[in-house]
C-alpha cells in the first residue's frame, strides 16, 4: 500500500472519529439527568441534529466520491480485538455484511437489468393503452356509421315511416322469449 493511500485512510479515520465523538456529545447533552430532568427544547435539539446530519453527509460524500475506489480494493480489519461482547457483536455484523466486490458488481448488473425490464414494461403498458384508445375510437366511429346506414335504410324503405313504427310499437305488448323461439321453430318464413 502506498503512502498516499495511508494518508487518505488516516484522514478518513480522523473524520470518522470526529463524527463518532460528536454523536456521543449530542447523546449525552440530550439525555435527561437528575440535575437537569427537563428534555432539551425542540429548536436546540433540531439544531444539534442538523449539525450531525451535515457532518454525516460530508463524510458520506467524501467516502463516496474520493475514496470509493480505494475502499473497494481494501479489506479493513481492526488491529486489536474488541473488548466486550457488545463490541464483538457489532464488529462481526459489520464484517459479514460487506459484500465481495465481484458480488457487488453482479448485484449492480442485476439491478440494471431489473430497471431495464421495468422500463420496457412501462413502454408495453403505454403501447397497450394507445392501442385500446385507438380501438375504442374506431369502435365508436364504426357504431356511428352503422347507425347512419340503418337510418338511411329505414328512410329509403317503402312502407310505414319511422314515426309510424314508433307509434305502432308503443301500442303493441311485449313478446316473451318463449313465443319468439316457438315461432322460429315452426319453420314459417317471414
N, C-alpha and C. Protein backbone atom coordinates (compact mmCIF):
# COMPACT_ATOMS: atom_id res chain seq x y z
N UNK A 1 0.85 -1.17 0.00
CA UNK A 1 0.00 0.00 0.00
C UNK A 1 0.90 1.23 0.00
N UNK A 2 0.54 2.19 -0.83
CA UNK A 2 1.38 3.39 -0.96
C UNK A 2 1.13 4.35 0.21
N UNK A 3 2.06 5.29 0.35
CA UNK A 3 1.94 6.29 1.42
C UNK A 3 0.72 7.18 1.20
N UNK A 4 0.39 7.46 -0.06
CA UNK A 4 -0.78 8.29 -0.36
C UNK A 4 -2.06 7.62 0.13
N UNK A 5 -2.14 6.30 -0.06
CA UNK A 5 -3.32 5.57 0.40
C UNK A 5 -3.40 5.60 1.93
N UNK A 6 -2.27 5.49 2.59
CA UNK A 6 -2.26 5.52 4.05
C UNK A 6 -2.72 6.88 4.56
N UNK A 7 -2.26 7.94 3.90
CA UNK A 7 -2.66 9.29 4.30
C UNK A 7 -4.18 9.46 4.10
N UNK A 8 -4.71 8.98 2.97
CA UNK A 8 -6.14 9.05 2.71
C UNK A 8 -6.94 8.33 3.80
N UNK A 9 -6.48 7.13 4.13
CA UNK A 9 -7.19 6.35 5.15
C UNK A 9 -7.10 7.01 6.53
N UNK A 10 -5.97 7.60 6.86
CA UNK A 10 -5.83 8.28 8.14
C UNK A 10 -6.77 9.49 8.22
N UNK A 11 -6.86 10.24 7.12
CA UNK A 11 -7.77 11.39 7.08
C UNK A 11 -9.21 10.92 7.26
N UNK A 12 -9.54 9.87 6.59
CA UNK A 12 -10.89 9.32 6.69
C UNK A 12 -11.17 8.82 8.12
N UNK A 13 -10.19 8.18 8.72
CA UNK A 13 -10.34 7.69 10.09
C UNK A 13 -10.54 8.84 11.07
N UNK A 14 -9.79 9.93 10.89
CA UNK A 14 -9.93 11.09 11.77
C UNK A 14 -11.34 11.69 11.65
N UNK A 15 -11.81 11.81 10.41
CA UNK A 15 -13.16 12.37 10.21
C UNK A 15 -14.22 11.47 10.84
N UNK A 16 -14.05 10.18 10.72
CA UNK A 16 -14.99 9.24 11.31
C UNK A 16 -14.95 9.31 12.84
N UNK A 17 -13.76 9.45 13.43
CA UNK A 17 -13.64 9.59 14.88
C UNK A 17 -14.31 10.87 15.36
N UNK A 18 -14.12 11.97 14.60
CA UNK A 18 -14.76 13.23 14.98
C UNK A 18 -16.29 13.10 14.96
N UNK A 19 -16.81 12.43 13.95
CA UNK A 19 -18.25 12.23 13.87
C UNK A 19 -18.74 11.36 15.03
N UNK A 20 -17.98 10.32 15.34
CA UNK A 20 -18.34 9.45 16.47
C UNK A 20 -18.35 10.23 17.77
N UNK A 21 -17.34 11.08 17.99
CA UNK A 21 -17.29 11.89 19.21
C UNK A 21 -18.45 12.87 19.27
N UNK A 22 -18.80 13.45 18.12
CA UNK A 22 -19.91 14.39 18.08
C UNK A 22 -21.24 13.69 18.40
N UNK A 23 -21.41 12.47 17.92
CA UNK A 23 -22.59 11.68 18.26
C UNK A 23 -22.65 11.46 19.77
N UNK A 24 -21.54 11.09 20.36
CA UNK A 24 -21.51 10.84 21.81
C UNK A 24 -21.85 12.10 22.59
N UNK A 25 -21.33 13.25 22.15
CA UNK A 25 -21.60 14.52 22.85
C UNK A 25 -23.08 14.86 22.75
N UNK A 26 -23.65 14.73 21.56
CA UNK A 26 -25.07 15.07 21.37
C UNK A 26 -25.96 14.13 22.19
N UNK A 27 -25.63 12.86 22.22
CA UNK A 27 -26.42 11.91 23.01
C UNK A 27 -26.34 12.26 24.49
N UNK A 28 -25.15 12.59 24.97
CA UNK A 28 -25.01 12.96 26.39
C UNK A 28 -25.76 14.25 26.71
N UNK A 29 -25.74 15.22 25.79
CA UNK A 29 -26.41 16.51 26.05
C UNK A 29 -27.93 16.37 26.00
N UNK A 30 -28.44 15.46 25.21
CA UNK A 30 -29.90 15.33 25.07
C UNK A 30 -30.51 14.40 26.11
N UNK A 31 -29.70 13.65 26.79
CA UNK A 31 -30.20 12.71 27.79
C UNK A 31 -30.53 13.47 29.08
N UNK A 32 -31.75 13.29 29.61
CA UNK A 32 -32.07 13.97 30.88
C UNK A 32 -31.24 13.39 32.03
N UNK A 33 -30.85 14.23 32.93
CA UNK A 33 -30.06 13.80 34.09
C UNK A 33 -30.82 14.20 35.36
N UNK A 34 -30.38 13.68 36.52
CA UNK A 34 -31.05 14.10 37.78
C UNK A 34 -30.88 15.60 38.03
N UNK A 35 -29.75 16.17 37.58
CA UNK A 35 -29.54 17.61 37.78
C UNK A 35 -30.45 18.41 36.86
N UNK A 36 -30.67 17.89 35.63
CA UNK A 36 -31.50 18.60 34.66
C UNK A 36 -32.51 17.60 34.07
N UNK A 37 -33.65 17.40 34.75
CA UNK A 37 -34.60 16.38 34.30
C UNK A 37 -35.41 16.80 33.07
N UNK A 38 -35.29 18.07 32.68
CA UNK A 38 -36.08 18.55 31.55
C UNK A 38 -35.46 18.11 30.23
N UNK A 39 -36.32 17.82 29.31
CA UNK A 39 -35.86 17.45 27.97
C UNK A 39 -35.43 18.72 27.26
N UNK A 40 -34.44 18.56 26.38
CA UNK A 40 -33.91 19.69 25.64
C UNK A 40 -35.00 20.32 24.78
N UNK A 41 -35.04 21.66 24.68
CA UNK A 41 -36.05 22.31 23.84
C UNK A 41 -35.89 21.87 22.37
N UNK A 42 -37.02 21.81 21.69
CA UNK A 42 -37.06 21.30 20.31
C UNK A 42 -36.12 22.08 19.37
N UNK A 43 -36.11 23.41 19.36
CA UNK A 43 -35.21 24.11 18.42
C UNK A 43 -33.73 23.77 18.64
N UNK A 44 -33.34 23.63 19.90
CA UNK A 44 -31.95 23.29 20.20
C UNK A 44 -31.64 21.85 19.75
N UNK A 45 -32.58 20.93 20.00
CA UNK A 45 -32.41 19.55 19.56
C UNK A 45 -32.32 19.47 18.04
N UNK A 46 -33.18 20.21 17.36
CA UNK A 46 -33.18 20.22 15.90
C UNK A 46 -31.87 20.79 15.36
N UNK A 47 -31.36 21.81 16.01
CA UNK A 47 -30.08 22.41 15.61
C UNK A 47 -28.95 21.40 15.74
N UNK A 48 -28.90 20.68 16.85
CA UNK A 48 -27.85 19.68 17.04
C UNK A 48 -27.97 18.54 16.02
N UNK A 49 -29.21 18.14 15.76
CA UNK A 49 -29.42 17.09 14.76
C UNK A 49 -28.98 17.55 13.37
N UNK A 50 -29.24 18.80 13.04
CA UNK A 50 -28.80 19.33 11.74
C UNK A 50 -27.28 19.34 11.61
N UNK A 51 -26.60 19.67 12.70
CA UNK A 51 -25.13 19.64 12.68
C UNK A 51 -24.65 18.21 12.43
N UNK A 52 -25.25 17.25 13.15
CA UNK A 52 -24.88 15.84 12.95
C UNK A 52 -25.16 15.39 11.52
N UNK A 53 -26.32 15.74 11.00
CA UNK A 53 -26.69 15.34 9.64
C UNK A 53 -25.74 15.95 8.61
N UNK A 54 -25.35 17.20 8.83
CA UNK A 54 -24.42 17.85 7.91
C UNK A 54 -23.05 17.19 7.91
N UNK A 55 -22.53 16.91 9.11
CA UNK A 55 -21.22 16.23 9.21
C UNK A 55 -21.28 14.84 8.58
N UNK A 56 -22.39 14.12 8.82
CA UNK A 56 -22.54 12.78 8.23
C UNK A 56 -22.60 12.87 6.70
N UNK A 57 -23.33 13.85 6.18
CA UNK A 57 -23.43 14.00 4.73
C UNK A 57 -22.08 14.31 4.11
N UNK A 58 -21.30 15.15 4.76
CA UNK A 58 -19.97 15.49 4.25
C UNK A 58 -19.08 14.24 4.23
N UNK A 59 -19.11 13.49 5.32
CA UNK A 59 -18.30 12.27 5.40
C UNK A 59 -18.76 11.25 4.35
N UNK A 60 -20.06 11.09 4.22
CA UNK A 60 -20.60 10.15 3.24
C UNK A 60 -20.20 10.55 1.82
N UNK A 61 -20.28 11.83 1.52
CA UNK A 61 -19.88 12.33 0.20
C UNK A 61 -18.39 12.09 -0.04
N UNK A 62 -17.59 12.35 0.99
CA UNK A 62 -16.14 12.14 0.87
C UNK A 62 -15.83 10.68 0.58
N UNK A 63 -16.48 9.79 1.32
CA UNK A 63 -16.25 8.35 1.11
C UNK A 63 -16.73 7.95 -0.27
N UNK A 64 -17.91 8.42 -0.67
CA UNK A 64 -18.49 8.01 -1.95
C UNK A 64 -17.76 8.55 -3.16
N UNK A 65 -17.26 9.78 -3.07
CA UNK A 65 -16.63 10.40 -4.23
C UNK A 65 -15.12 10.19 -4.29
N UNK A 66 -14.45 10.49 -3.20
CA UNK A 66 -12.99 10.50 -3.23
C UNK A 66 -12.36 9.14 -2.93
N UNK A 67 -12.96 8.40 -2.02
CA UNK A 67 -12.30 7.19 -1.53
C UNK A 67 -12.98 5.89 -1.96
N UNK A 68 -13.94 5.96 -2.82
CA UNK A 68 -14.70 4.75 -3.19
C UNK A 68 -13.80 3.70 -3.83
N UNK A 69 -12.97 4.12 -4.78
CA UNK A 69 -12.11 3.16 -5.47
C UNK A 69 -11.11 2.53 -4.50
N UNK A 70 -10.51 3.34 -3.65
CA UNK A 70 -9.54 2.83 -2.68
C UNK A 70 -10.20 1.84 -1.72
N UNK A 71 -11.38 2.18 -1.21
CA UNK A 71 -12.04 1.31 -0.24
C UNK A 71 -12.54 0.01 -0.87
N UNK A 72 -12.84 0.01 -2.17
CA UNK A 72 -13.25 -1.23 -2.83
C UNK A 72 -12.08 -2.20 -2.98
N UNK A 73 -10.87 -1.66 -3.01
CA UNK A 73 -9.69 -2.50 -3.18
C UNK A 73 -9.17 -3.05 -1.85
N UNK A 74 -9.59 -2.47 -0.74
CA UNK A 74 -9.05 -2.85 0.56
C UNK A 74 -10.07 -3.63 1.38
N UNK A 75 -9.54 -4.40 2.29
CA UNK A 75 -10.37 -5.07 3.28
C UNK A 75 -9.89 -4.56 4.64
N UNK A 76 -10.79 -3.93 5.38
CA UNK A 76 -10.42 -3.32 6.64
C UNK A 76 -10.71 -4.30 7.77
N UNK A 77 -9.67 -4.54 8.60
CA UNK A 77 -9.79 -5.43 9.76
C UNK A 77 -9.19 -4.68 10.95
N UNK A 78 -9.84 -4.72 12.10
CA UNK A 78 -9.30 -4.00 13.26
C UNK A 78 -7.97 -4.60 13.72
N UNK A 79 -7.08 -3.75 14.23
CA UNK A 79 -5.78 -4.21 14.69
C UNK A 79 -5.91 -4.95 16.02
N UNK A 80 -6.80 -4.48 16.87
CA UNK A 80 -6.98 -5.13 18.18
C UNK A 80 -8.37 -5.74 18.24
N UNK A 81 -8.45 -6.79 19.01
CA UNK A 81 -9.74 -7.46 19.18
C UNK A 81 -10.62 -6.61 20.08
N UNK A 82 -11.91 -6.46 19.71
CA UNK A 82 -12.82 -5.67 20.55
C UNK A 82 -12.92 -6.27 21.94
N UNK A 83 -13.09 -5.41 22.94
CA UNK A 83 -13.07 -5.84 24.34
C UNK A 83 -14.30 -6.61 24.77
N UNK A 84 -15.45 -5.97 24.84
CA UNK A 84 -16.62 -6.65 25.40
C UNK A 84 -17.44 -7.34 24.31
N UNK A 85 -18.43 -8.10 24.74
CA UNK A 85 -19.23 -8.91 23.82
C UNK A 85 -20.06 -8.04 22.88
N UNK A 86 -20.49 -6.89 23.38
CA UNK A 86 -21.29 -5.98 22.56
C UNK A 86 -20.46 -5.48 21.36
N UNK A 87 -19.24 -5.07 21.62
CA UNK A 87 -18.36 -4.61 20.53
C UNK A 87 -18.03 -5.75 19.57
N UNK A 88 -17.86 -6.95 20.09
CA UNK A 88 -17.60 -8.11 19.22
C UNK A 88 -18.79 -8.39 18.31
N UNK A 89 -19.99 -8.27 18.85
CA UNK A 89 -21.19 -8.48 18.03
C UNK A 89 -21.29 -7.43 16.92
N UNK A 90 -21.03 -6.18 17.28
CA UNK A 90 -21.07 -5.12 16.28
C UNK A 90 -20.04 -5.37 15.19
N UNK A 91 -18.83 -5.75 15.59
CA UNK A 91 -17.76 -5.99 14.63
C UNK A 91 -18.11 -7.16 13.71
N UNK A 92 -18.66 -8.22 14.25
CA UNK A 92 -18.99 -9.37 13.41
C UNK A 92 -20.08 -9.02 12.40
N UNK A 93 -21.04 -8.21 12.81
CA UNK A 93 -22.09 -7.78 11.88
C UNK A 93 -21.49 -6.91 10.78
N UNK A 94 -20.63 -5.97 11.17
CA UNK A 94 -20.02 -5.08 10.18
C UNK A 94 -19.16 -5.85 9.18
N UNK A 95 -18.41 -6.83 9.66
CA UNK A 95 -17.53 -7.56 8.77
C UNK A 95 -18.28 -8.56 7.87
N UNK A 96 -19.36 -9.11 8.33
CA UNK A 96 -20.04 -10.10 7.49
C UNK A 96 -21.07 -9.50 6.54
N UNK A 97 -21.46 -8.23 6.73
CA UNK A 97 -22.46 -7.64 5.85
C UNK A 97 -21.84 -6.97 4.63
N UNK A 98 -20.54 -6.84 4.58
CA UNK A 98 -19.87 -6.25 3.42
C UNK A 98 -19.74 -7.32 2.34
N UNK A 99 -20.23 -7.01 1.15
CA UNK A 99 -20.16 -7.96 0.05
C UNK A 99 -18.81 -7.89 -0.64
N UNK A 100 -18.42 -8.99 -1.25
CA UNK A 100 -17.20 -9.01 -2.05
C UNK A 100 -17.42 -8.14 -3.29
N UNK A 101 -16.37 -7.51 -3.80
CA UNK A 101 -16.53 -6.63 -4.97
C UNK A 101 -17.17 -7.32 -6.17
N UNK A 102 -16.84 -8.61 -6.39
CA UNK A 102 -17.44 -9.32 -7.53
C UNK A 102 -18.95 -9.45 -7.35
N UNK A 103 -19.37 -9.73 -6.13
CA UNK A 103 -20.80 -9.88 -5.86
C UNK A 103 -21.50 -8.53 -5.97
N UNK A 104 -20.85 -7.47 -5.49
CA UNK A 104 -21.44 -6.14 -5.63
C UNK A 104 -21.63 -5.77 -7.10
N UNK A 105 -20.64 -6.13 -7.93
CA UNK A 105 -20.74 -5.84 -9.36
C UNK A 105 -21.90 -6.62 -9.98
N UNK A 106 -22.02 -7.90 -9.63
CA UNK A 106 -23.14 -8.71 -10.15
C UNK A 106 -24.48 -8.14 -9.69
N UNK A 107 -24.53 -7.70 -8.44
CA UNK A 107 -25.76 -7.12 -7.91
C UNK A 107 -26.14 -5.85 -8.68
N UNK A 108 -25.15 -5.01 -8.99
CA UNK A 108 -25.41 -3.80 -9.78
C UNK A 108 -25.93 -4.16 -11.16
N UNK A 109 -25.36 -5.20 -11.79
CA UNK A 109 -25.81 -5.63 -13.11
C UNK A 109 -27.25 -6.14 -13.04
N UNK A 110 -27.57 -6.88 -12.00
CA UNK A 110 -28.94 -7.38 -11.84
C UNK A 110 -29.92 -6.22 -11.68
N UNK A 111 -29.55 -5.23 -10.85
CA UNK A 111 -30.42 -4.06 -10.68
C UNK A 111 -30.59 -3.32 -12.00
N UNK A 112 -29.53 -3.23 -12.79
CA UNK A 112 -29.64 -2.56 -14.10
C UNK A 112 -30.61 -3.32 -15.00
N UNK A 113 -30.54 -4.66 -14.97
CA UNK A 113 -31.47 -5.46 -15.77
C UNK A 113 -32.90 -5.29 -15.29
N UNK A 114 -33.09 -5.25 -13.99
CA UNK A 114 -34.44 -5.06 -13.45
C UNK A 114 -35.00 -3.71 -13.87
N UNK A 115 -34.19 -2.68 -13.79
CA UNK A 115 -34.64 -1.35 -14.18
C UNK A 115 -34.94 -1.30 -15.67
N UNK A 116 -34.12 -1.97 -16.47
CA UNK A 116 -34.34 -2.02 -17.92
C UNK A 116 -35.66 -2.72 -18.25
N UNK A 117 -35.91 -3.86 -17.58
CA UNK A 117 -37.16 -4.58 -17.84
C UNK A 117 -38.36 -3.79 -17.35
N UNK A 118 -38.20 -3.04 -16.26
CA UNK A 118 -39.30 -2.20 -15.77
C UNK A 118 -39.61 -1.11 -16.78
N UNK A 119 -38.57 -0.53 -17.38
CA UNK A 119 -38.79 0.50 -18.39
C UNK A 119 -39.48 -0.10 -19.61
N UNK A 120 -39.11 -1.32 -19.99
CA UNK A 120 -39.77 -1.97 -21.12
C UNK A 120 -41.21 -2.27 -20.79
N UNK A 121 -41.49 -2.65 -19.54
CA UNK A 121 -42.87 -2.89 -19.12
C UNK A 121 -43.70 -1.63 -19.22
N UNK A 122 -43.10 -0.49 -18.87
CA UNK A 122 -43.81 0.78 -18.99
C UNK A 122 -44.09 1.10 -20.46
N UNK A 123 -43.14 0.77 -21.32
CA UNK A 123 -43.34 1.01 -22.76
C UNK A 123 -44.48 0.14 -23.25
N UNK A 124 -44.51 -1.15 -22.84
CA UNK A 124 -45.59 -2.05 -23.25
C UNK A 124 -46.94 -1.56 -22.75
N UNK A 125 -46.99 -1.07 -21.50
CA UNK A 125 -48.24 -0.55 -20.97
C UNK A 125 -48.69 0.67 -21.75
N UNK A 126 -47.76 1.52 -22.13
CA UNK A 126 -48.10 2.70 -22.92
C UNK A 126 -48.64 2.31 -24.29
N UNK A 127 -48.00 1.32 -24.93
CA UNK A 127 -48.48 0.85 -26.22
C UNK A 127 -49.87 0.22 -26.10
N UNK A 128 -50.09 -0.54 -25.04
CA UNK A 128 -51.40 -1.17 -24.83
C UNK A 128 -52.48 -0.11 -24.61
N UNK A 129 -52.17 0.92 -23.85
CA UNK A 129 -53.15 1.99 -23.62
C UNK A 129 -53.46 2.73 -24.92
N UNK A 130 -52.43 2.98 -25.73
CA UNK A 130 -52.65 3.64 -27.03
C UNK A 130 -53.50 2.77 -27.93
N UNK A 131 -53.20 1.47 -27.97
CA UNK A 131 -53.98 0.55 -28.81
C UNK A 131 -55.44 0.50 -28.34
N UNK A 132 -55.67 0.49 -27.04
CA UNK A 132 -57.03 0.44 -26.52
C UNK A 132 -57.80 1.71 -26.86
N UNK A 133 -57.17 2.86 -26.72
CA UNK A 133 -57.86 4.11 -27.06
C UNK A 133 -58.15 4.18 -28.56
N UNK A 134 -57.22 3.69 -29.38
CA UNK A 134 -57.46 3.65 -30.83
C UNK A 134 -58.61 2.72 -31.15
N UNK A 135 -58.65 1.56 -30.51
CA UNK A 135 -59.74 0.60 -30.72
C UNK A 135 -61.08 1.20 -30.34
N UNK A 136 -61.12 1.87 -29.17
CA UNK A 136 -62.38 2.48 -28.73
C UNK A 136 -62.84 3.56 -29.70
N UNK A 137 -61.90 4.37 -30.21
CA UNK A 137 -62.27 5.41 -31.17
C UNK A 137 -62.81 4.79 -32.46
N UNK A 138 -62.14 3.73 -32.95
CA UNK A 138 -62.62 3.06 -34.17
C UNK A 138 -63.98 2.41 -33.93
N UNK A 139 -64.18 1.82 -32.77
CA UNK A 139 -65.46 1.19 -32.46
C UNK A 139 -66.59 2.21 -32.43
N UNK A 140 -66.34 3.37 -31.82
CA UNK A 140 -67.36 4.43 -31.79
C UNK A 140 -67.66 4.93 -33.19
N UNK A 141 -66.61 5.11 -33.98
CA UNK A 141 -66.80 5.58 -35.35
C UNK A 141 -67.59 4.55 -36.16
N UNK A 142 -67.28 3.26 -35.97
CA UNK A 142 -67.99 2.20 -36.68
C UNK A 142 -69.46 2.15 -36.24
N UNK A 143 -69.70 2.25 -34.93
CA UNK A 143 -71.08 2.23 -34.43
C UNK A 143 -71.87 3.40 -34.99
N UNK A 144 -71.24 4.56 -35.07
CA UNK A 144 -71.92 5.72 -35.66
C UNK A 144 -72.24 5.51 -37.13
N UNK A 145 -71.29 4.93 -37.86
CA UNK A 145 -71.51 4.67 -39.29
C UNK A 145 -72.61 3.63 -39.49
N UNK A 146 -72.65 2.59 -38.67
CA UNK A 146 -73.71 1.58 -38.76
C UNK A 146 -75.06 2.23 -38.46
N UNK A 147 -75.10 3.10 -37.47
CA UNK A 147 -76.35 3.80 -37.14
C UNK A 147 -76.82 4.65 -38.31
N UNK A 148 -75.88 5.34 -38.97
CA UNK A 148 -76.24 6.16 -40.14
C UNK A 148 -76.79 5.28 -41.26
N UNK A 149 -76.14 4.14 -41.52
CA UNK A 149 -76.59 3.24 -42.59
C UNK A 149 -77.98 2.68 -42.28
N UNK A 150 -78.22 2.32 -41.04
CA UNK A 150 -79.55 1.83 -40.66
C UNK A 150 -80.61 2.91 -40.85
N UNK A 151 -80.26 4.12 -40.45
CA UNK A 151 -81.22 5.22 -40.60
C UNK A 151 -81.51 5.47 -42.07
N UNK A 152 -80.46 5.42 -42.92
CA UNK A 152 -80.67 5.60 -44.36
C UNK A 152 -81.54 4.48 -44.91
N UNK A 153 -81.32 3.24 -44.48
CA UNK A 153 -82.12 2.11 -44.95
C UNK A 153 -83.56 2.26 -44.52
N UNK A 154 -83.80 2.71 -43.30
CA UNK A 154 -85.17 2.91 -42.83
C UNK A 154 -85.84 4.02 -43.62
N UNK A 155 -85.09 5.08 -43.89
CA UNK A 155 -85.65 6.21 -44.64
C UNK A 155 -85.99 5.81 -46.07
N UNK A 156 -85.19 4.97 -46.71
CA UNK A 156 -85.43 4.56 -48.10
C UNK A 156 -86.45 3.45 -48.23
N UNK A 157 -86.67 2.71 -47.16
CA UNK A 157 -87.56 1.55 -47.24
C UNK A 157 -89.00 1.99 -47.49
N UNK A 158 -89.71 1.25 -48.42
CA UNK A 158 -91.13 1.58 -48.63
C UNK A 158 -91.93 1.11 -47.43
N UNK A 159 -93.01 1.68 -47.18
CA UNK A 159 -93.87 1.27 -46.09
C UNK A 159 -93.99 2.35 -45.05
N UNK A 160 -94.35 1.96 -43.89
CA UNK A 160 -94.60 2.96 -42.85
C UNK A 160 -93.32 3.70 -42.49
N UNK A 161 -93.47 4.94 -42.10
CA UNK A 161 -92.32 5.75 -41.73
C UNK A 161 -91.85 5.36 -40.33
N UNK A 162 -90.74 5.91 -39.92
CA UNK A 162 -90.18 5.60 -38.61
C UNK A 162 -91.11 6.09 -37.51
N UNK A 163 -91.78 7.22 -37.74
CA UNK A 163 -92.71 7.74 -36.74
C UNK A 163 -93.88 6.79 -36.57
N UNK A 164 -94.36 6.22 -37.68
CA UNK A 164 -95.46 5.26 -37.62
C UNK A 164 -95.02 4.01 -36.88
N UNK A 165 -93.80 3.54 -37.18
CA UNK A 165 -93.29 2.35 -36.49
C UNK A 165 -93.20 2.58 -34.99
N UNK A 166 -92.77 3.76 -34.60
CA UNK A 166 -92.66 4.06 -33.18
C UNK A 166 -94.02 4.07 -32.51
N UNK A 167 -95.03 4.63 -33.18
CA UNK A 167 -96.36 4.67 -32.58
C UNK A 167 -96.97 3.27 -32.53
N UNK A 168 -96.68 2.43 -33.57
CA UNK A 168 -97.19 1.06 -33.56
C UNK A 168 -96.52 0.25 -32.45
N UNK A 169 -95.23 0.46 -32.26
CA UNK A 169 -94.54 -0.31 -31.23
C UNK A 169 -95.02 0.08 -29.84
N UNK A 170 -95.49 1.30 -29.68
CA UNK A 170 -96.00 1.74 -28.39
C UNK A 170 -97.32 1.06 -28.08
N UNK A 171 -98.11 0.71 -29.16
CA UNK A 171 -99.41 0.09 -28.96
C UNK A 171 -99.30 -1.41 -28.73
N UNK A 172 -98.24 -2.05 -29.15
CA UNK A 172 -98.12 -3.49 -29.03
C UNK A 172 -97.60 -3.88 -27.67
N UNK A 173 -97.94 -5.10 -27.27
CA UNK A 173 -97.46 -5.60 -25.99
C UNK A 173 -96.13 -6.32 -26.19
N UNK A 174 -95.31 -6.40 -25.17
CA UNK A 174 -94.02 -7.07 -25.29
C UNK A 174 -94.22 -8.56 -25.54
N UNK A 175 -93.30 -9.14 -26.33
CA UNK A 175 -93.37 -10.55 -26.69
C UNK A 175 -92.36 -11.30 -25.83
N UNK A 176 -92.77 -12.44 -25.30
CA UNK A 176 -91.89 -13.25 -24.47
C UNK A 176 -90.90 -14.01 -25.33
N UNK A 177 -89.79 -14.37 -24.78
CA UNK A 177 -88.75 -15.10 -25.49
C UNK A 177 -89.26 -16.47 -25.93
N UNK A 178 -90.06 -17.12 -25.12
CA UNK A 178 -90.59 -18.43 -25.48
C UNK A 178 -91.43 -18.37 -26.75
N UNK A 179 -92.21 -17.29 -26.87
CA UNK A 179 -93.05 -17.13 -28.06
C UNK A 179 -92.20 -16.96 -29.32
N UNK A 180 -91.13 -16.20 -29.19
CA UNK A 180 -90.25 -15.99 -30.34
C UNK A 180 -89.60 -17.31 -30.73
N UNK A 181 -89.13 -18.08 -29.75
CA UNK A 181 -88.48 -19.37 -30.05
C UNK A 181 -89.47 -20.36 -30.65
N UNK A 182 -90.70 -20.40 -30.15
CA UNK A 182 -91.67 -21.34 -30.71
C UNK A 182 -92.03 -20.94 -32.14
N UNK A 183 -92.11 -19.66 -32.42
CA UNK A 183 -92.39 -19.20 -33.77
C UNK A 183 -91.24 -19.57 -34.72
N UNK A 184 -90.00 -19.37 -34.22
CA UNK A 184 -88.84 -19.67 -35.04
C UNK A 184 -88.74 -21.16 -35.33
N UNK A 185 -89.17 -22.01 -34.43
CA UNK A 185 -89.05 -23.44 -34.62
C UNK A 185 -90.15 -24.00 -35.55
N UNK A 186 -91.17 -23.25 -35.86
CA UNK A 186 -92.23 -23.73 -36.76
C UNK A 186 -91.77 -23.80 -38.19
N UNK A 187 -90.74 -23.02 -38.54
CA UNK A 187 -90.26 -23.05 -39.92
C UNK A 187 -91.00 -22.15 -40.86
N UNK A 188 -91.88 -21.31 -40.39
CA UNK A 188 -92.64 -20.39 -41.23
C UNK A 188 -91.70 -19.27 -41.65
N UNK A 189 -91.63 -18.97 -42.91
CA UNK A 189 -90.77 -17.90 -43.38
C UNK A 189 -91.49 -16.57 -43.25
N UNK A 190 -90.76 -15.57 -43.01
CA UNK A 190 -91.36 -14.24 -42.81
C UNK A 190 -91.38 -13.49 -44.12
